[in-house]
């Protein structure tokens, strides 16, 4: 019986040694070795703000469906438009810089005349349904353009004034 016990003990110890060998696992931690930084190439998508986007196809949503601008600027309309702009628009807009709303300088290089007219005449519906107007609303911190109740003639004069802002 003593020999059987010795044999079983020897087998048991042999089994433990062969199966349970110590294998050291490397742990990530502090090391004095310099590691080469792994270059990660990330493609940065340049996001153009809505006020800088160019869209010369969108006519907007509102009463103006088509508008042809004459080659010559009508100075009478410009004078009237400048007066309307100063009275009704300068609370939120500066002609050449971003304020509460976008600057109208160069607007006709980025938008159709119909879109500009519809934004002046119909800002509530434009900000609800027109994708570009929605983006502008978000860019300008959710400050919606107030409907000033301008007539189509006044809005057209303001547009003519915008043509002179370069």
C-alpha atoms as a PDB file:
ATOM      1  CA  UNK A   1       0.000   0.000   0.000  1.00  0.00           C
ATOM      2  CA  UNK A   2       2.894   2.285   0.707  1.00  0.00           C
ATOM      3  CA  UNK A   3       4.216   1.744  -2.795  1.00  0.00           C
ATOM      4  CA  UNK A   4       0.832   2.499  -4.336  1.00  0.00           C
ATOM      5  CA  UNK A   5       0.642   5.701  -2.330  1.00  0.00           C
ATOM      6  CA  UNK A   6       4.184   6.670  -3.428  1.00  0.00           C
ATOM      7  CA  UNK A   7       3.334   5.945  -7.092  1.00  0.00           C
ATOM      8  CA  UNK A   8       0.102   7.962  -6.925  1.00  0.00           C
ATOM      9  CA  UNK A   9       1.879  10.856  -5.227  1.00  0.00           C
ATOM     10  CA  UNK A  10       4.645  10.795  -7.836  1.00  0.00           C
ATOM     11  CA  UNK A  11       2.082  10.706 -10.671  1.00  0.00           C
ATOM     12  CA  UNK A  12       0.113  13.519  -9.088  1.00  0.00           C
ATOM     13  CA  UNK A  13       3.203  15.723  -8.698  1.00  0.00           C
ATOM     14  CA  UNK A  14       4.322  14.915 -12.255  1.00  0.00           C
ATOM     15  CA  UNK A  15       0.857  15.799 -13.537  1.00  0.00           C
ATOM     16  CA  UNK A  16       0.871  19.128 -11.661  1.00  0.00           C
ATOM     17  CA  UNK A  17       4.312  20.056 -12.949  1.00  0.00           C
ATOM     18  CA  UNK A  18       3.571  19.154 -16.559  1.00  0.00           C
ATOM     19  CA  UNK A  19       0.132  20.833 -16.763  1.00  0.00           C
ATOM     20  CA  UNK A  20       0.540  23.793 -14.493  1.00  0.00           C
ATOM     21  CA  UNK A  21       3.849  25.126 -15.642  1.00  0.00           C
ATOM     22  CA  UNK A  22       4.433  28.809 -15.008  1.00  0.00           C
ATOM     23  CA  UNK A  23       4.190  30.851 -18.126  1.00  0.00           C
ATOM     24  CA  UNK A  24       4.755  34.516 -17.478  1.00  0.00           C
ATOM     25  CA  UNK A  25       2.479  36.802 -19.359  1.00  0.00           C
ATOM     26  CA  UNK A  26       3.757  40.177 -20.417  1.00  0.00           C
ATOM     27  CA  UNK A  27       1.852  42.958 -18.850  1.00  0.00           C
ATOM     28  CA  UNK A  28       1.614  46.338 -20.482  1.00  0.00           C
ATOM     29  CA  UNK A  29       2.999  48.825 -18.102  1.00  0.00           C
ATOM     30  CA  UNK A  30       5.847  51.164 -17.590  1.00  0.00           C
ATOM     31  CA  UNK A  31       8.838  50.426 -19.727  1.00  0.00           C
ATOM     32  CA  UNK A  32      12.134  52.127 -20.391  1.00  0.00           C
ATOM     33  CA  UNK A  33      12.081  51.008 -23.992  1.00  0.00           C
ATOM     34  CA  UNK A  34      11.107  53.623 -26.550  1.00  0.00           C
ATOM     35  CA  UNK A  35       8.157  52.623 -28.614  1.00  0.00           C
ATOM     36  CA  UNK A  36       7.697  53.921 -32.116  1.00  0.00           C
ATOM     37  CA  UNK A  37       4.461  55.904 -32.349  1.00  0.00           C
ATOM     38  CA  UNK A  38       1.945  54.325 -34.663  1.00  0.00           C
ATOM     39  CA  UNK A  39       0.876  56.772 -37.334  1.00  0.00           C
ATOM     40  CA  UNK A  40      -2.840  56.947 -37.705  1.00  0.00           C
ATOM     41  CA  UNK A  41      -4.137  58.529 -40.809  1.00  0.00           C
ATOM     42  CA  UNK A  42      -7.436  60.193 -40.237  1.00  0.00           C
ATOM     43  CA  UNK A  43      -9.379  61.764 -42.985  1.00  0.00           C
ATOM     44  CA  UNK A  44     -10.712  65.043 -41.733  1.00  0.00           C
ATOM     45  CA  UNK A  45     -13.909  66.017 -43.402  1.00  0.00           C
ATOM     46  CA  UNK A  46     -13.956  69.745 -43.818  1.00  0.00           C
ATOM     47  CA  UNK A  47     -17.358  70.974 -42.856  1.00  0.00           C
ATOM     48  CA  UNK A  48     -18.332  74.150 -44.621  1.00  0.00           C
ATOM     49  CA  UNK A  49     -20.641  76.367 -42.558  1.00  0.00           C
ATOM     50  CA  UNK A  50     -24.054  76.979 -44.096  1.00  0.00           C
ATOM     51  CA  UNK A  51     -23.305  80.692 -44.463  1.00  0.00           C
ATOM     52  CA  UNK A  52     -20.340  79.826 -46.716  1.00  0.00           C
ATOM     53  CA  UNK A  53     -22.021  77.080 -48.762  1.00  0.00           C
ATOM     54  CA  UNK A  54     -22.690  77.901 -52.373  1.00  0.00           C
ATOM     55  CA  UNK A  55     -26.049  76.776 -53.740  1.00  0.00           C
ATOM     56  CA  UNK A  56     -27.128  78.514 -56.927  1.00  0.00           C
ATOM     57  CA  UNK A  57     -29.930  76.084 -57.741  1.00  0.00           C
ATOM     58  CA  UNK A  58     -32.191  76.292 -54.684  1.00  0.00           C
ATOM     59  CA  UNK A  59     -34.992  78.830 -55.139  1.00  0.00           C
ATOM     60  CA  UNK A  60     -36.370  78.412 -51.641  1.00  0.00           C
ATOM     61  CA  UNK A  61     -39.963  78.142 -50.502  1.00  0.00           C
ATOM     62  CA  UNK A  62     -42.290  81.081 -50.862  1.00  0.00           C
ATOM     63  CA  UNK A  63     -44.027  83.408 -53.270  1.00  0.00           C
ATOM     64  CA  UNK A  64     -41.059  84.136 -55.557  1.00  0.00           C
ATOM     65  CA  UNK A  65     -40.676  81.391 -58.147  1.00  0.00           C
ATOM     66  CA  UNK A  66     -38.669  83.241 -60.772  1.00  0.00           C
ATOM     67  CA  UNK A  67     -36.710  86.496 -60.750  1.00  0.00           C
ATOM     68  CA  UNK A  68     -34.529  87.945 -63.477  1.00  0.00           C
ATOM     69  CA  UNK A  69     -32.038  90.589 -62.441  1.00  0.00           C
ATOM     70  CA  UNK A  70     -31.182  93.310 -64.920  1.00  0.00           C
ATOM     71  CA  UNK A  71     -27.542  93.780 -65.846  1.00  0.00           C
ATOM     72  CA  UNK A  72     -27.663  97.377 -64.620  1.00  0.00           C
ATOM     73  CA  UNK A  73     -28.278  98.100 -60.948  1.00  0.00           C
ATOM     74  CA  UNK A  74     -31.312 100.313 -60.326  1.00  0.00           C
ATOM     75  CA  UNK A  75     -30.025 103.117 -58.087  1.00  0.00           C
ATOM     76  CA  UNK A  76     -33.527 104.201 -57.040  1.00  0.00           C
ATOM     77  CA  UNK A  77     -34.208 100.699 -55.755  1.00  0.00           C
ATOM     78  CA  UNK A  78     -30.777 100.602 -54.066  1.00  0.00           C
ATOM     79  CA  UNK A  79     -31.530 103.818 -52.156  1.00  0.00           C
ATOM     80  CA  UNK A  80     -34.933 102.535 -51.054  1.00  0.00           C
ATOM     81  CA  UNK A  81     -33.459  99.097 -50.209  1.00  0.00           C
ATOM     82  CA  UNK A  82     -30.671 100.662 -48.126  1.00  0.00           C
ATOM     83  CA  UNK A  83     -33.286 102.622 -46.137  1.00  0.00           C
ATOM     84  CA  UNK A  84     -35.397  99.500 -45.545  1.00  0.00           C
ATOM     85  CA  UNK A  85     -32.292  97.503 -44.563  1.00  0.00           C
ATOM     86  CA  UNK A  86     -31.170 100.162 -42.074  1.00  0.00           C
ATOM     87  CA  UNK A  87     -34.625 100.371 -40.494  1.00  0.00           C
ATOM     88  CA  UNK A  88     -35.606  96.705 -40.463  1.00  0.00           C
ATOM     89  CA  UNK A  89     -32.491  94.518 -40.672  1.00  0.00           C
ATOM     90  CA  UNK A  90     -29.568  96.085 -38.810  1.00  0.00           C
ATOM     91  CA  UNK A  91     -30.799  94.816 -35.446  1.00  0.00           C
ATOM     92  CA  UNK A  92     -29.587  91.348 -36.514  1.00  0.00           C
ATOM     93  CA  UNK A  93     -27.411  91.817 -39.616  1.00  0.00           C
ATOM     94  CA  UNK A  94     -24.206  93.691 -40.398  1.00  0.00           C
ATOM     95  CA  UNK A  95     -23.437  94.175 -44.071  1.00  0.00           C
ATOM     96  CA  UNK A  96     -19.941  92.706 -44.006  1.00  0.00           C
ATOM     97  CA  UNK A  97     -19.656  90.502 -40.923  1.00  0.00           C
ATOM     98  CA  UNK A  98     -21.443  87.787 -39.001  1.00  0.00           C
ATOM     99  CA  UNK A  99     -23.667  89.097 -36.224  1.00  0.00           C
ATOM    100  CA  UNK A 100     -26.898  87.554 -34.929  1.00  0.00           C
ATOM    101  CA  UNK A 101     -27.610  86.670 -38.562  1.00  0.00           C
ATOM    102  CA  UNK A 102     -25.342  86.216 -41.581  1.00  0.00           C
ATOM    103  CA  UNK A 103     -23.794  89.112 -43.504  1.00  0.00           C
ATOM    104  CA  UNK A 104     -25.539  89.883 -46.800  1.00  0.00           C
ATOM    105  CA  UNK A 105     -22.317  90.951 -48.499  1.00  0.00           C
ATOM    106  CA  UNK A 106     -21.758  88.702 -51.519  1.00  0.00           C
ATOM    107  CA  UNK A 107     -25.003  86.789 -50.892  1.00  0.00           C
ATOM    108  CA  UNK A 108     -25.835  86.590 -54.604  1.00  0.00           C
ATOM    109  CA  UNK A 109     -22.560  84.748 -55.196  1.00  0.00           C
ATOM    110  CA  UNK A 110     -23.843  81.986 -52.881  1.00  0.00           C
ATOM    111  CA  UNK A 111     -27.661  82.041 -53.302  1.00  0.00           C
ATOM    112  CA  UNK A 112     -30.207  82.547 -56.037  1.00  0.00           C
ATOM    113  CA  UNK A 113     -32.141  85.840 -56.043  1.00  0.00           C
ATOM    114  CA  UNK A 114     -35.355  83.828 -55.545  1.00  0.00           C
ATOM    115  CA  UNK A 115     -33.943  82.149 -52.423  1.00  0.00           C
ATOM    116  CA  UNK A 116     -32.950  85.519 -50.935  1.00  0.00           C
ATOM    117  CA  UNK A 117     -36.369  87.014 -51.680  1.00  0.00           C
ATOM    118  CA  UNK A 118     -38.179  83.990 -50.225  1.00  0.00           C
ATOM    119  CA  UNK A 119     -36.008  84.138 -47.091  1.00  0.00           C
ATOM    120  CA  UNK A 120     -36.918  87.818 -46.623  1.00  0.00           C
ATOM    121  CA  UNK A 121     -40.619  87.311 -47.349  1.00  0.00           C
ATOM    122  CA  UNK A 122     -41.196  83.854 -45.854  1.00  0.00           C
ATOM    123  CA  UNK A 123     -38.604  83.131 -43.131  1.00  0.00           C
ATOM    124  CA  UNK A 124     -40.828  80.887 -40.957  1.00  0.00           C
ATOM    125  CA  UNK A 125     -41.616  78.374 -43.694  1.00  0.00           C
ATOM    126  CA  UNK A 126     -38.084  78.563 -45.093  1.00  0.00           C
ATOM    127  CA  UNK A 127     -36.524  77.596 -41.732  1.00  0.00           C
ATOM    128  CA  UNK A 128     -39.003  74.738 -41.372  1.00  0.00           C
ATOM    129  CA  UNK A 129     -38.768  73.255 -44.880  1.00  0.00           C
ATOM    130  CA  UNK A 130     -35.691  74.507 -46.745  1.00  0.00           C
ATOM    131  CA  UNK A 131     -32.560  72.462 -45.901  1.00  0.00           C
ATOM    132  CA  UNK A 132     -30.172  75.387 -46.350  1.00  0.00           C
ATOM    133  CA  UNK A 133     -32.301  77.695 -44.182  1.00  0.00           C
ATOM    134  CA  UNK A 134     -32.425  74.951 -41.514  1.00  0.00           C
ATOM    135  CA  UNK A 135     -28.618  74.713 -41.577  1.00  0.00           C
ATOM    136  CA  UNK A 136     -28.332  78.496 -41.259  1.00  0.00           C
ATOM    137  CA  UNK A 137     -30.692  78.428 -38.288  1.00  0.00           C
ATOM    138  CA  UNK A 138     -28.421  75.879 -36.572  1.00  0.00           C
ATOM    139  CA  UNK A 139     -25.257  77.814 -37.460  1.00  0.00           C
ATOM    140  CA  UNK A 140     -26.682  80.973 -35.927  1.00  0.00           C
ATOM    141  CA  UNK A 141     -27.600  79.282 -32.631  1.00  0.00           C
ATOM    142  CA  UNK A 142     -31.267  78.744 -33.414  1.00  0.00           C
ATOM    143  CA  UNK A 143     -31.985  82.469 -33.767  1.00  0.00           C
ATOM    144  CA  UNK A 144     -34.763  82.523 -36.374  1.00  0.00           C
ATOM    145  CA  UNK A 145     -35.086  85.371 -38.824  1.00  0.00           C
ATOM    146  CA  UNK A 146     -38.005  87.590 -37.895  1.00  0.00           C
ATOM    147  CA  UNK A 147     -40.671  88.177 -40.502  1.00  0.00           C
ATOM    148  CA  UNK A 148     -40.609  91.941 -40.945  1.00  0.00           C
ATOM    149  CA  UNK A 149     -43.778  91.913 -43.044  1.00  0.00           C
ATOM    150  CA  UNK A 150     -42.063  93.535 -46.006  1.00  0.00           C
ATOM    151  CA  UNK A 151     -43.878  93.890 -49.294  1.00  0.00           C
ATOM    152  CA  UNK A 152     -42.464  92.142 -52.328  1.00  0.00           C
ATOM    153  CA  UNK A 153     -41.430  95.585 -53.670  1.00  0.00           C
ATOM    154  CA  UNK A 154     -39.495  96.387 -50.461  1.00  0.00           C
ATOM    155  CA  UNK A 155     -37.855  92.964 -50.460  1.00  0.00           C
ATOM    156  CA  UNK A 156     -36.861  93.437 -54.108  1.00  0.00           C
ATOM    157  CA  UNK A 157     -35.315  96.815 -53.206  1.00  0.00           C
ATOM    158  CA  UNK A 158     -33.343  95.210 -50.371  1.00  0.00           C
ATOM    159  CA  UNK A 159     -32.130  92.568 -52.838  1.00  0.00           C
ATOM    160  CA  UNK A 160     -31.019  95.317 -55.221  1.00  0.00           C
ATOM    161  CA  UNK A 161     -29.139  96.937 -52.316  1.00  0.00           C
ATOM    162  CA  UNK A 162     -27.445  93.578 -51.608  1.00  0.00           C
ATOM    163  CA  UNK A 163     -26.189  93.589 -55.223  1.00  0.00           C
ATOM    164  CA  UNK A 164     -24.083  96.670 -54.381  1.00  0.00           C
ATOM    165  CA  UNK A 165     -22.395  95.059 -51.355  1.00  0.00           C
ATOM    166  CA  UNK A 166     -19.135  93.687 -52.700  1.00  0.00           C
END
